[in-house]
Structure formats: C-alpha cells, structure tokens
C-alpha cells in the first residue's frame, strides 16, 4: 500500500509540473508575439485635427523691407495686438457685407451705432480706435480708417491709408499690426485686390522715411512697428502677394 501511495504521489507531481511548464511556455509565446507585432501609432485627437485644419494659410512677401505676409483669414477672427479695417462714408447706401457683417455682429451692432454723421462720418483719413469688449473680437484693439465716398473711390486713396496704418501703428506702440482693406466687403467690387494692395503698400513703405528722419532729429520716440500682416480671402491671396512684391521690386519715390 505504501508503494502504491508513493507511486500516485510522484505521478501527480510530475503531471502538475508538466502542466505548469506548458502554461508558462504559452504565456511567454503570447508575450513574444505581442512584442513582435507592429505598434500602431495613436490616432490624433479630433481637437488636434481640427486645429491643424483651422490654421490659416499664409504667404511671405519676398525681400520686403518690412517683413510682410499675406494671411488668409477674416479680420473678424484675428487674435492681434491691433486689427485695422476700412469703412466707406457713413451713408445708407454704403451697406456692410462679409467680414464687416461678422465684425458688427460680434460687436453687437457697434459698427452700425457709430456709423452716423454726428459720430463717425467715414471721411477719407478719419480714424477711430475701439477696444473690443471681452467676448467679442479676439483683437486687442480695432482701428477703423475712413475711405470717403464709395461712388468715386479709386485705389489711389489707399496710398493715404497705407501711410496712416504705419504711423498709427507706430504711435500706438504696435509692433505687429494686421490690416484688411475691406473694400469688397464695403460694397465696391470694380477694382481687383491687387490694385488696392499695390497702392496701399506704396504708401505704407513710404511712411517710415519721415518717421526715421524725425527719430534722427530727436523728435520721435523711434520705430516700433516690426512687421505687417495683410489679410486676404482665399481667392485673392496670390493676387495680393504678387501686388505687394511688385511694390518691393519697384519701391515708391
């Protein structure tokens, strides 16, 4: 009986050892197969994909004396130190369109309220500076420049606007202004964006000459502006870039 019991004990022990060894081998094989399988990169989050898609396209202006880029973005959406737009004369026939409607809506109708003959006439060269309320525009400041009457508008007026953009940005201590001509959104479509951009940039690049002379004479605090972002719609960005580069190639007198 003792021999029989001893035999059964050894038989059970051997079977248990074999089972444990098999289990360990299977587990090891599974881990090895997992380690050898190709790793799948984690999918980017939906927020990351949307952020990449939302980044606006931009085009650098080659050899610009003041670093300049064309950015495909609405002036209603910019996160800038200073956003500059233009408005035609405050008259019933000069209605707002496109980005100007967006800006007006975000400001809860403030553009409509100030566009009165007794408040902001919109005469050529007239300016008004707004500090957008929290929760409206992302821009810290909004400068509006008057364009005068829309019926007799010509791109030559934009030379005056260009000089105002430079001087007002410098006076306000703004290093990186954003500018949108908003001519089309003001209701005037008989001139292409290249014509408008070209005349604007001529005036913009001419303005630093006087500022530098004043600085050298000790009559100015100095040149603050460092670069310019010119906003354009997706169908007008290339035309705008080419127009600005034509001015660089043939500097204004």
C-alpha atoms as a PDB file:
ATOM      1  CA  UNK A   1       0.000   0.000   0.000  1.00  0.00           C
ATOM      2  CA  UNK A   2       2.805   2.373   0.853  1.00  0.00           C
ATOM      3  CA  UNK A   3       4.476   1.775  -2.501  1.00  0.00           C
ATOM      4  CA  UNK A   4       1.168   2.369  -4.300  1.00  0.00           C
ATOM      5  CA  UNK A   5       0.549   5.650  -2.487  1.00  0.00           C
ATOM      6  CA  UNK A   6       4.097   6.814  -3.153  1.00  0.00           C
ATOM      7  CA  UNK A   7       3.699   5.974  -6.839  1.00  0.00           C
ATOM      8  CA  UNK A   8       0.467   8.016  -7.061  1.00  0.00           C
ATOM      9  CA  UNK A   9       2.164  10.986  -5.311  1.00  0.00           C
ATOM     10  CA  UNK A  10       5.030  11.060  -7.829  1.00  0.00           C
ATOM     11  CA  UNK A  11       2.614  10.683 -10.749  1.00  0.00           C
ATOM     12  CA  UNK A  12       0.524  13.654  -9.607  1.00  0.00           C
ATOM     13  CA  UNK A  13       3.655  15.753  -9.005  1.00  0.00           C
ATOM     14  CA  UNK A  14       5.021  15.018 -12.490  1.00  0.00           C
ATOM     15  CA  UNK A  15       1.689  15.855 -14.156  1.00  0.00           C
ATOM     16  CA  UNK A  16       1.432  19.160 -12.219  1.00  0.00           C
ATOM     17  CA  UNK A  17       4.982  20.104 -13.241  1.00  0.00           C
ATOM     18  CA  UNK A  18       4.237  19.406 -16.906  1.00  0.00           C
ATOM     19  CA  UNK A  19       1.031  21.495 -16.761  1.00  0.00           C
ATOM     20  CA  UNK A  20       2.822  24.440 -15.108  1.00  0.00           C
ATOM     21  CA  UNK A  21       5.623  24.317 -17.687  1.00  0.00           C
ATOM     22  CA  UNK A  22       3.137  24.288 -20.572  1.00  0.00           C
ATOM     23  CA  UNK A  23       1.216  27.241 -19.137  1.00  0.00           C
ATOM     24  CA  UNK A  24       4.411  29.255 -18.696  1.00  0.00           C
ATOM     25  CA  UNK A  25       5.505  28.490 -22.274  1.00  0.00           C
ATOM     26  CA  UNK A  26       2.169  29.543 -23.731  1.00  0.00           C
ATOM     27  CA  UNK A  27       2.234  32.811 -21.763  1.00  0.00           C
ATOM     28  CA  UNK A  28       5.791  33.502 -22.923  1.00  0.00           C
ATOM     29  CA  UNK A  29       4.887  32.803 -26.530  1.00  0.00           C
ATOM     30  CA  UNK A  30       1.935  35.167 -26.299  1.00  0.00           C
ATOM     31  CA  UNK A  31       4.081  37.941 -24.854  1.00  0.00           C
ATOM     32  CA  UNK A  32       6.737  37.407 -27.543  1.00  0.00           C
ATOM     33  CA  UNK A  33       4.118  37.564 -30.304  1.00  0.00           C
ATOM     34  CA  UNK A  34       2.730  40.785 -28.835  1.00  0.00           C
ATOM     35  CA  UNK A  35       6.193  42.298 -28.648  1.00  0.00           C
ATOM     36  CA  UNK A  36       6.917  41.351 -32.273  1.00  0.00           C
ATOM     37  CA  UNK A  37       3.626  42.699 -33.630  1.00  0.00           C
ATOM     38  CA  UNK A  38       3.839  46.146 -35.297  1.00  0.00           C
ATOM     39  CA  UNK A  39       2.937  49.003 -32.991  1.00  0.00           C
ATOM     40  CA  UNK A  40       0.001  51.148 -34.096  1.00  0.00           C
ATOM     41  CA  UNK A  41       0.556  54.853 -33.584  1.00  0.00           C
ATOM     42  CA  UNK A  42      -2.179  56.525 -31.538  1.00  0.00           C
ATOM     43  CA  UNK A  43      -4.691  58.402 -33.642  1.00  0.00           C
ATOM     44  CA  UNK A  44      -4.519  62.185 -33.250  1.00  0.00           C
ATOM     45  CA  UNK A  45      -7.359  63.663 -31.293  1.00  0.00           C
ATOM     46  CA  UNK A  46     -10.259  65.306 -33.073  1.00  0.00           C
ATOM     47  CA  UNK A  47      -9.286  68.627 -31.487  1.00  0.00           C
ATOM     48  CA  UNK A  48      -5.730  68.322 -32.874  1.00  0.00           C
ATOM     49  CA  UNK A  49      -7.026  67.544 -36.366  1.00  0.00           C
ATOM     50  CA  UNK A  50      -9.406  70.488 -36.253  1.00  0.00           C
ATOM     51  CA  UNK A  51      -6.626  72.795 -35.045  1.00  0.00           C
ATOM     52  CA  UNK A  52      -4.393  71.742 -37.940  1.00  0.00           C
ATOM     53  CA  UNK A  53      -7.200  72.243 -40.438  1.00  0.00           C
ATOM     54  CA  UNK A  54      -8.132  75.621 -38.940  1.00  0.00           C
ATOM     55  CA  UNK A  55      -4.645  77.121 -39.256  1.00  0.00           C
ATOM     56  CA  UNK A  56      -4.927  79.823 -41.938  1.00  0.00           C
ATOM     57  CA  UNK A  57      -2.665  79.750 -44.986  1.00  0.00           C
ATOM     58  CA  UNK A  58      -0.018  82.439 -45.247  1.00  0.00           C
ATOM     59  CA  UNK A  59       2.282  83.735 -47.977  1.00  0.00           C
ATOM     60  CA  UNK A  60       5.503  85.629 -47.289  1.00  0.00           C
ATOM     61  CA  UNK A  61       6.292  88.693 -49.385  1.00  0.00           C
ATOM     62  CA  UNK A  62       9.790  88.138 -50.758  1.00  0.00           C
ATOM     63  CA  UNK A  63      12.527  90.694 -49.966  1.00  0.00           C
ATOM     64  CA  UNK A  64      10.109  93.083 -48.227  1.00  0.00           C
ATOM     65  CA  UNK A  65      11.990  95.897 -46.417  1.00  0.00           C
ATOM     66  CA  UNK A  66       9.447  95.497 -43.617  1.00  0.00           C
ATOM     67  CA  UNK A  67       8.655  91.787 -43.108  1.00  0.00           C
ATOM     68  CA  UNK A  68       5.208  91.261 -44.591  1.00  0.00           C
ATOM     69  CA  UNK A  69       2.934  88.273 -45.032  1.00  0.00           C
ATOM     70  CA  UNK A  70      -0.454  87.706 -46.644  1.00  0.00           C
ATOM     71  CA  UNK A  71      -2.741  85.746 -44.321  1.00  0.00           C
ATOM     72  CA  UNK A  72      -5.932  84.036 -45.451  1.00  0.00           C
ATOM     73  CA  UNK A  73      -8.156  84.980 -42.552  1.00  0.00           C
ATOM     74  CA  UNK A  74     -11.155  87.174 -41.800  1.00  0.00           C
ATOM     75  CA  UNK A  75     -10.491  90.338 -39.760  1.00  0.00           C
ATOM     76  CA  UNK A  76     -13.358  89.161 -37.545  1.00  0.00           C
ATOM     77  CA  UNK A  77     -11.245  86.182 -36.408  1.00  0.00           C
ATOM     78  CA  UNK A  78      -7.725  87.541 -35.855  1.00  0.00           C
ATOM     79  CA  UNK A  79      -6.000  87.398 -32.489  1.00  0.00           C
ATOM     80  CA  UNK A  80      -3.872  90.515 -32.944  1.00  0.00           C
ATOM     81  CA  UNK A  81      -2.476  93.453 -30.997  1.00  0.00           C
ATOM     82  CA  UNK A  82      -4.181  95.735 -33.497  1.00  0.00           C
ATOM     83  CA  UNK A  83      -6.637  94.860 -36.265  1.00  0.00           C
ATOM     84  CA  UNK A  84      -7.190  97.606 -38.848  1.00  0.00           C
ATOM     85  CA  UNK A  85     -10.157  97.796 -41.226  1.00  0.00           C
ATOM     86  CA  UNK A  86     -11.636 100.423 -43.532  1.00  0.00           C
ATOM     87  CA  UNK A  87     -15.156 101.790 -43.867  1.00  0.00           C
ATOM     88  CA  UNK A  88     -16.712 103.918 -46.550  1.00  0.00           C
ATOM     89  CA  UNK A  89     -18.629 107.075 -45.770  1.00  0.00           C
ATOM     90  CA  UNK A  90     -21.409 106.614 -43.225  1.00  0.00           C
ATOM     91  CA  UNK A  91     -24.315 106.760 -45.639  1.00  0.00           C
ATOM     92  CA  UNK A  92     -27.371 104.490 -46.098  1.00  0.00           C
ATOM     93  CA  UNK A  93     -26.170 103.254 -49.496  1.00  0.00           C
ATOM     94  CA  UNK A  94     -22.854 102.017 -48.063  1.00  0.00           C
ATOM     95  CA  UNK A  95     -24.031  98.764 -46.521  1.00  0.00           C
ATOM     96  CA  UNK A  96     -21.802  96.206 -44.814  1.00  0.00           C
ATOM     97  CA  UNK A  97     -21.003  92.804 -46.292  1.00  0.00           C
ATOM     98  CA  UNK A  98     -18.941  89.705 -45.493  1.00  0.00           C
ATOM     99  CA  UNK A  99     -16.359  90.203 -42.751  1.00  0.00           C
ATOM    100  CA  UNK A 100     -17.759  93.635 -41.848  1.00  0.00           C
ATOM    101  CA  UNK A 101     -21.088  91.979 -41.017  1.00  0.00           C
ATOM    102  CA  UNK A 102     -19.212  89.410 -38.904  1.00  0.00           C
ATOM    103  CA  UNK A 103     -17.372  92.140 -37.019  1.00  0.00           C
ATOM    104  CA  UNK A 104     -20.562  94.111 -36.482  1.00  0.00           C
ATOM    105  CA  UNK A 105     -22.346  91.026 -35.133  1.00  0.00           C
ATOM    106  CA  UNK A 106     -19.509  90.166 -32.750  1.00  0.00           C
ATOM    107  CA  UNK A 107     -19.544  93.770 -31.519  1.00  0.00           C
ATOM    108  CA  UNK A 108     -23.326  93.523 -31.061  1.00  0.00           C
ATOM    109  CA  UNK A 109     -24.105  96.167 -33.681  1.00  0.00           C
ATOM    110  CA  UNK A 110     -21.471  98.685 -32.571  1.00  0.00           C
ATOM    111  CA  UNK A 111     -20.392  99.475 -36.151  1.00  0.00           C
ATOM    112  CA  UNK A 112     -23.970 100.388 -37.030  1.00  0.00           C
ATOM    113  CA  UNK A 113     -24.191 102.601 -33.950  1.00  0.00           C
ATOM    114  CA  UNK A 114     -21.047 104.624 -34.663  1.00  0.00           C
ATOM    115  CA  UNK A 115     -21.652 104.984 -38.420  1.00  0.00           C
ATOM    116  CA  UNK A 116     -23.588 108.222 -38.018  1.00  0.00           C
ATOM    117  CA  UNK A 117     -22.694 111.661 -39.460  1.00  0.00           C
ATOM    118  CA  UNK A 118     -22.554 113.067 -35.936  1.00  0.00           C
ATOM    119  CA  UNK A 119     -20.253 110.253 -34.695  1.00  0.00           C
ATOM    120  CA  UNK A 120     -18.002 108.650 -37.332  1.00  0.00           C
ATOM    121  CA  UNK A 121     -18.502 110.077 -40.822  1.00  0.00           C
ATOM    122  CA  UNK A 122     -16.072 107.740 -42.564  1.00  0.00           C
ATOM    123  CA  UNK A 123     -14.398 110.603 -44.419  1.00  0.00           C
ATOM    124  CA  UNK A 124     -11.099 109.805 -46.122  1.00  0.00           C
ATOM    125  CA  UNK A 125      -8.388 109.506 -43.475  1.00  0.00           C
ATOM    126  CA  UNK A 126     -10.742 109.797 -40.484  1.00  0.00           C
ATOM    127  CA  UNK A 127      -9.877 107.286 -37.774  1.00  0.00           C
ATOM    128  CA  UNK A 128     -11.485 105.860 -34.667  1.00  0.00           C
ATOM    129  CA  UNK A 129      -9.989 103.365 -32.217  1.00  0.00           C
ATOM    130  CA  UNK A 130     -12.072 100.740 -30.420  1.00  0.00           C
ATOM    131  CA  UNK A 131     -11.165  98.387 -27.591  1.00  0.00           C
ATOM    132  CA  UNK A 132     -13.444  95.386 -28.249  1.00  0.00           C
ATOM    133  CA  UNK A 133     -15.380  94.205 -25.186  1.00  0.00           C
ATOM    134  CA  UNK A 134     -14.390  90.875 -23.667  1.00  0.00           C
ATOM    135  CA  UNK A 135     -16.038  88.001 -25.500  1.00  0.00           C
ATOM    136  CA  UNK A 136     -16.422  89.847 -28.811  1.00  0.00           C
ATOM    137  CA  UNK A 137     -13.381  90.134 -31.095  1.00  0.00           C
ATOM    138  CA  UNK A 138     -10.075  88.429 -30.301  1.00  0.00           C
ATOM    139  CA  UNK A 139      -8.127  91.510 -31.424  1.00  0.00           C
ATOM    140  CA  UNK A 140      -6.988  93.697 -28.522  1.00  0.00           C
ATOM    141  CA  UNK A 141      -7.690  96.916 -30.455  1.00  0.00           C
ATOM    142  CA  UNK A 142      -9.638  97.735 -33.621  1.00  0.00           C
ATOM    143  CA  UNK A 143      -8.662 100.771 -35.689  1.00  0.00           C
ATOM    144  CA  UNK A 144     -11.137 101.937 -38.339  1.00  0.00           C
ATOM    145  CA  UNK A 145      -9.979 104.196 -41.185  1.00  0.00           C
ATOM    146  CA  UNK A 146     -12.449 106.138 -43.309  1.00  0.00           C
ATOM    147  CA  UNK A 147     -12.350 105.751 -47.095  1.00  0.00           C
ATOM    148  CA  UNK A 148     -14.677 108.575 -48.092  1.00  0.00           C
ATOM    149  CA  UNK A 149     -17.497 108.156 -50.594  1.00  0.00           C
ATOM    150  CA  UNK A 150     -17.741 104.806 -52.328  1.00  0.00           C
ATOM    151  CA  UNK A 151     -19.025 106.093 -55.691  1.00  0.00           C
ATOM    152  CA  UNK A 152     -15.805 107.953 -56.532  1.00  0.00           C
ATOM    153  CA  UNK A 153     -13.392 105.575 -54.811  1.00  0.00           C
ATOM    154  CA  UNK A 154     -10.112 104.816 -56.610  1.00  0.00           C
ATOM    155  CA  UNK A 155      -7.156 102.668 -55.443  1.00  0.00           C
ATOM    156  CA  UNK A 156      -5.020 105.840 -55.198  1.00  0.00           C
ATOM    157  CA  UNK A 157      -6.768 106.621 -51.910  1.00  0.00           C
ATOM    158  CA  UNK A 158      -5.125 103.541 -50.431  1.00  0.00           C
ATOM    159  CA  UNK A 159      -1.707 105.224 -50.512  1.00  0.00           C
ATOM    160  CA  UNK A 160      -3.000 107.640 -47.883  1.00  0.00           C
ATOM    161  CA  UNK A 161      -4.466 104.716 -45.941  1.00  0.00           C
ATOM    162  CA  UNK A 162      -1.131 102.877 -46.089  1.00  0.00           C
ATOM    163  CA  UNK A 163       0.717 105.791 -44.520  1.00  0.00           C
ATOM    164  CA  UNK A 164      -1.954 106.064 -41.809  1.00  0.00           C
ATOM    165  CA  UNK A 165      -1.613 102.365 -40.994  1.00  0.00           C
ATOM    166  CA  UNK A 166       2.134 102.704 -40.500  1.00  0.00           C
ATOM    167  CA  UNK A 167       2.040 105.935 -38.490  1.00  0.00           C
ATOM    168  CA  UNK A 168      -0.896 104.999 -36.264  1.00  0.00           C
ATOM    169  CA  UNK A 169       0.583 101.571 -35.525  1.00  0.00           C
ATOM    170  CA  UNK A 170       3.873 103.190 -34.589  1.00  0.00           C
ATOM    171  CA  UNK A 171       2.148 105.874 -32.499  1.00  0.00           C
ATOM    172  CA  UNK A 172       0.127 103.241 -30.611  1.00  0.00           C
ATOM    173  CA  UNK A 173       3.242 101.168 -29.925  1.00  0.00           C
ATOM    174  CA  UNK A 174       2.062  98.242 -32.065  1.00  0.00           C
ATOM    175  CA  UNK A 175       4.832  96.036 -33.450  1.00  0.00           C
ATOM    176  CA  UNK A 176       2.676  93.553 -35.384  1.00  0.00           C
ATOM    177  CA  UNK A 177      -0.435  95.186 -36.919  1.00  0.00           C
ATOM    178  CA  UNK A 178      -2.983  93.275 -39.020  1.00  0.00           C
ATOM    179  CA  UNK A 179      -4.631  95.081 -41.931  1.00  0.00           C
ATOM    180  CA  UNK A 180      -7.687  94.258 -44.030  1.00  0.00           C
ATOM    181  CA  UNK A 181      -8.721  96.775 -46.719  1.00  0.00           C
ATOM    182  CA  UNK A 182     -12.375  95.558 -46.619  1.00  0.00           C
ATOM    183  CA  UNK A 183     -13.092  97.286 -49.946  1.00  0.00           C
ATOM    184  CA  UNK A 184     -15.118  94.377 -51.331  1.00  0.00           C
ATOM    185  CA  UNK A 185     -16.936  93.947 -48.026  1.00  0.00           C
ATOM    186  CA  UNK A 186     -17.710  97.654 -48.154  1.00  0.00           C
ATOM    187  CA  UNK A 187     -19.584  97.127 -51.422  1.00  0.00           C
ATOM    188  CA  UNK A 188     -17.029  98.258 -54.048  1.00  0.00           C
ATOM    189  CA  UNK A 189     -16.048  95.490 -56.481  1.00  0.00           C
ATOM    190  CA  UNK A 190     -14.862  97.342 -59.585  1.00  0.00           C
ATOM    191  CA  UNK A 191     -11.174  97.121 -58.636  1.00  0.00           C
ATOM    192  CA  UNK A 192      -9.239  93.911 -58.105  1.00  0.00           C
ATOM    193  CA  UNK A 193      -7.477  93.228 -54.826  1.00  0.00           C
ATOM    194  CA  UNK A 194      -4.056  93.540 -56.464  1.00  0.00           C
ATOM    195  CA  UNK A 195      -4.716  97.159 -57.460  1.00  0.00           C
ATOM    196  CA  UNK A 196      -5.853  98.020 -53.945  1.00  0.00           C
ATOM    197  CA  UNK A 197      -2.955  96.197 -52.270  1.00  0.00           C
ATOM    198  CA  UNK A 198      -0.344  97.772 -54.533  1.00  0.00           C
ATOM    199  CA  UNK A 199      -1.374 101.355 -53.824  1.00  0.00           C
ATOM    200  CA  UNK A 200      -1.721 100.648 -50.094  1.00  0.00           C
ATOM    201  CA  UNK A 201       1.760  99.144 -49.844  1.00  0.00           C
ATOM    202  CA  UNK A 202       3.341 102.061 -51.680  1.00  0.00           C
ATOM    203  CA  UNK A 203       2.013 104.440 -49.024  1.00  0.00           C
ATOM    204  CA  UNK A 204       2.897 102.044 -46.212  1.00  0.00           C
ATOM    205  CA  UNK A 205       6.542 101.739 -47.299  1.00  0.00           C
ATOM    206  CA  UNK A 206       6.886 105.477 -47.886  1.00  0.00           C
ATOM    207  CA  UNK A 207       5.782 106.404 -44.344  1.00  0.00           C
ATOM    208  CA  UNK A 208       8.899 105.149 -42.464  1.00  0.00           C
ATOM    209  CA  UNK A 209      11.084 107.677 -44.249  1.00  0.00           C
ATOM    210  CA  UNK A 210       9.533 110.591 -42.383  1.00  0.00           C
ATOM    211  CA  UNK A 211       9.489 108.617 -39.129  1.00  0.00           C
ATOM    212  CA  UNK A 212      13.192 107.837 -39.459  1.00  0.00           C
ATOM    213  CA  UNK A 213      14.028 111.490 -40.189  1.00  0.00           C
ATOM    214  CA  UNK A 214      12.105 112.544 -37.064  1.00  0.00           C
ATOM    215  CA  UNK A 215      13.880 109.903 -34.997  1.00  0.00           C
ATOM    216  CA  UNK A 216      17.302 111.047 -36.242  1.00  0.00           C
ATOM    217  CA  UNK A 217      16.330 114.614 -35.341  1.00  0.00           C
ATOM    218  CA  UNK A 218      15.377 113.527 -31.824  1.00  0.00           C
ATOM    219  CA  UNK A 219      11.736 114.411 -32.499  1.00  0.00           C
ATOM    220  CA  UNK A 220      10.319 110.870 -32.336  1.00  0.00           C
ATOM    221  CA  UNK A 221      10.351 108.038 -29.832  1.00  0.00           C
ATOM    222  CA  UNK A 222      11.543 105.644 -32.542  1.00  0.00           C
ATOM    223  CA  UNK A 223      10.298 102.961 -34.888  1.00  0.00           C
ATOM    224  CA  UNK A 224       8.141 100.415 -33.088  1.00  0.00           C
ATOM    225  CA  UNK A 225       6.484  98.584 -35.980  1.00  0.00           C
ATOM    226  CA  UNK A 226       8.310  95.367 -36.865  1.00  0.00           C
ATOM    227  CA  UNK A 227       6.143  93.620 -39.477  1.00  0.00           C
ATOM    228  CA  UNK A 228       2.789  93.689 -41.255  1.00  0.00           C
ATOM    229  CA  UNK A 229       0.100  91.067 -41.788  1.00  0.00           C
ATOM    230  CA  UNK A 230      -2.122  91.802 -44.784  1.00  0.00           C
ATOM    231  CA  UNK A 231      -5.394  89.847 -44.746  1.00  0.00           C
ATOM    232  CA  UNK A 232      -6.951  88.470 -47.924  1.00  0.00           C
ATOM    233  CA  UNK A 233      -9.632  85.982 -48.900  1.00  0.00           C
ATOM    234  CA  UNK A 234      -8.614  82.555 -50.265  1.00  0.00           C
ATOM    235  CA  UNK A 235      -9.329  83.553 -53.881  1.00  0.00           C
ATOM    236  CA  UNK A 236      -7.375  86.822 -53.595  1.00  0.00           C
ATOM    237  CA  UNK A 237      -4.276  85.833 -51.576  1.00  0.00           C
ATOM    238  CA  UNK A 238      -1.992  85.064 -54.536  1.00  0.00           C
ATOM    239  CA  UNK A 239      -3.009  88.252 -56.368  1.00  0.00           C
ATOM    240  CA  UNK A 240      -2.355  90.264 -53.212  1.00  0.00           C
ATOM    241  CA  UNK A 241       1.068  88.686 -52.660  1.00  0.00           C
ATOM    242  CA  UNK A 242       2.109  89.399 -56.247  1.00  0.00           C
ATOM    243  CA  UNK A 243       0.949  93.015 -55.974  1.00  0.00           C
ATOM    244  CA  UNK A 244       2.958  93.596 -52.796  1.00  0.00           C
ATOM    245  CA  UNK A 245       6.039  92.045 -54.392  1.00  0.00           C
ATOM    246  CA  UNK A 246       5.689  94.379 -57.385  1.00  0.00           C
ATOM    247  CA  UNK A 247       5.980  97.317 -54.992  1.00  0.00           C
ATOM    248  CA  UNK A 248       9.070  95.766 -53.391  1.00  0.00           C
ATOM    249  CA  UNK A 249      10.626  95.361 -56.845  1.00  0.00           C
ATOM    250  CA  UNK A 250       9.790  98.976 -57.746  1.00  0.00           C
ATOM    251  CA  UNK A 251       9.931 100.983 -54.491  1.00  0.00           C
ATOM    252  CA  UNK A 252       7.819 104.158 -54.248  1.00  0.00           C
ATOM    253  CA  UNK A 253       9.521 107.529 -54.733  1.00  0.00           C
END
